[in-house]
Amino acid sequence: MISTFFVLSTRGDTILAKQYRSSGAAAHERSHTEALFRKIKFWDDLKDQTKVVVEASTSTQQSASQQPPKGGLRNGLIFGASSARNVSPNTVVELLSTIARIFKDYCGTLSEEALRKNFILCYELLDEMIDYGYPQVIRTENLKSFVYNEPIVVEPIVNTGNMVNPKTASAAAVHKPVITSATTGGIGKSFGSGPQKNEIFVDILERLNVIFSNNGYVLNSTIDGCIQMKSYLAGNPQLRLALNEDLIVGKDVPRGMFGAGSGAKVDDMNFNDCVNLSEFETARTLSFIPPDGEFAVLNYRITGEFATPFRIFPSIEEVEPNKLELTVLIRGEMAANHFGANVTVEIPMPTTNITTVSCNMITAPGTGYSNAEYTASSNKIVWTMKKFVGGGEQTMRAKISLDKPVTTQWRQQLGPINMCFEIPMYNVSNVQVRYLRVAENMVGYTPYRWVRYVTQSSSYVCRL
């Protein structure tokens, strides 16, 4: 399958490198790392000879080489692999993503410093995960019996400037190695500065894909949701997780089938193979023994109409033959006790005939820092808001001056509007976790349970 595996820094330095296959005519390992680094370093120069694949990270495959390197960006690190044969790029991308996740599970955090300080542990994991280029053991819990090196915990660098409420950070932001309790003898023993807690983190994460027309109506809308967990429980106890009692699974199932108050309906669900579904149909309850590390308990999908958290209303007015006024009004459709964090609105502009663009805003109270400006290098108007409170309205007006009269072809190159945001403690689908508890009563066993709801924009677009 793969011949070499390597991890590069953003400077192009090789942090980890391992060769699984060798042949007399094979290219030198350094040629693969340099080829992949050049492609990612000069990303804007990628043309038809390179295919871009997006799957939990951004990756690239070079198709004009006999041994094409494949790689991806993750937390500022470049994970790459090369192969002498024609292998599926999706398979390699999935393998690289799995390796990055396992490194994070065992090192606690995924960074250049963590990999350099734990390079012996990382090479031990690579020896167990891949044999002669083929994946062997790629599950966190299965690797624990083969790993004997203890991790050196590195304090993560937290960018608090982008966090409106740090308490709503996702379970992926937890930076503890999974072998803490195993290498220190179990419950109550300290690995760092204090006693090890029995904790489990639960994320109900929803990603929205919405397309609006130029008059604010929804043309297409879908929700990709999942329930993710990260377990730090000693003894592997069985857990019970209960969802809405009136949850409806199936696009063709009528809402009234489970009562008039049915508030959550999903098209389909798929579950992790560790989940026992014997009580799901009757009580909407799942029972499972959580594996170590981060994992998805279930995934669900919703298509059709739903209440969007934000609605976009654009308008374009031709003031003079060579002047336009673009107005974008965004209305928060959610309740006032919720807010969108780190909201960014991008409006692509045509690449020709623009002389000046001036932007001004009408902000609602409680917005915090807000800014809108035209960036000539990227030909975009970027409008950022630190906080967008539900029930309010935000307006941005841009006056565009051209050196030539406006044409229909120029107007067609304007837009579409793309909006990015994150809403903590809020979900659109109304899928709720009723309770999460240990199945058996264990004396003195009181785990800490952290449940968070996060809604993110995956593709939130409005046409002009």
Foldseek 3Di string as FASTA:
>chain_A
DFAKKFKAALVLDTLDIDGLDDDPPDDDPSVQSVVQSVCVVPVVPDDPQKDWDDDVFTKIWGDPDQWIKIWTDDPRMIIITTHNDDDDNVVVVVVSVLLQQLLQQAQQHDDSVQCNQCVVQSVQVVVQQAHSRHGDDRFNQVCPVRGDDHGDHDDDDDDCVQPPDVLLDAPVPGRDHLCQQVNQPHFQGDDPDGGDAFAKEKEWEKAKAWEAEQAFHTPWIKIKIFIKMAGNHPPQFKKKWAKDQQEAEAPPDDSPPSHPPRQFYFHHKDADPQWDCPCCVPGNMIIGRDGHGMDTGMITMHIDDFQDQKIKHWDWDPPDQFKIKIKIKMAGADDQVWKWAWKKKKKAADLDFWDDKDKDKDDDPPFPDWDWDADNVRRIIIITTGMGGHGDMMMMMMMTGGPGGDDPVRVQRIDKMWMWTKIKQDDGRPIDTPDMDGPDDDPPRDHHYHYIYMYIYPTHIYGD
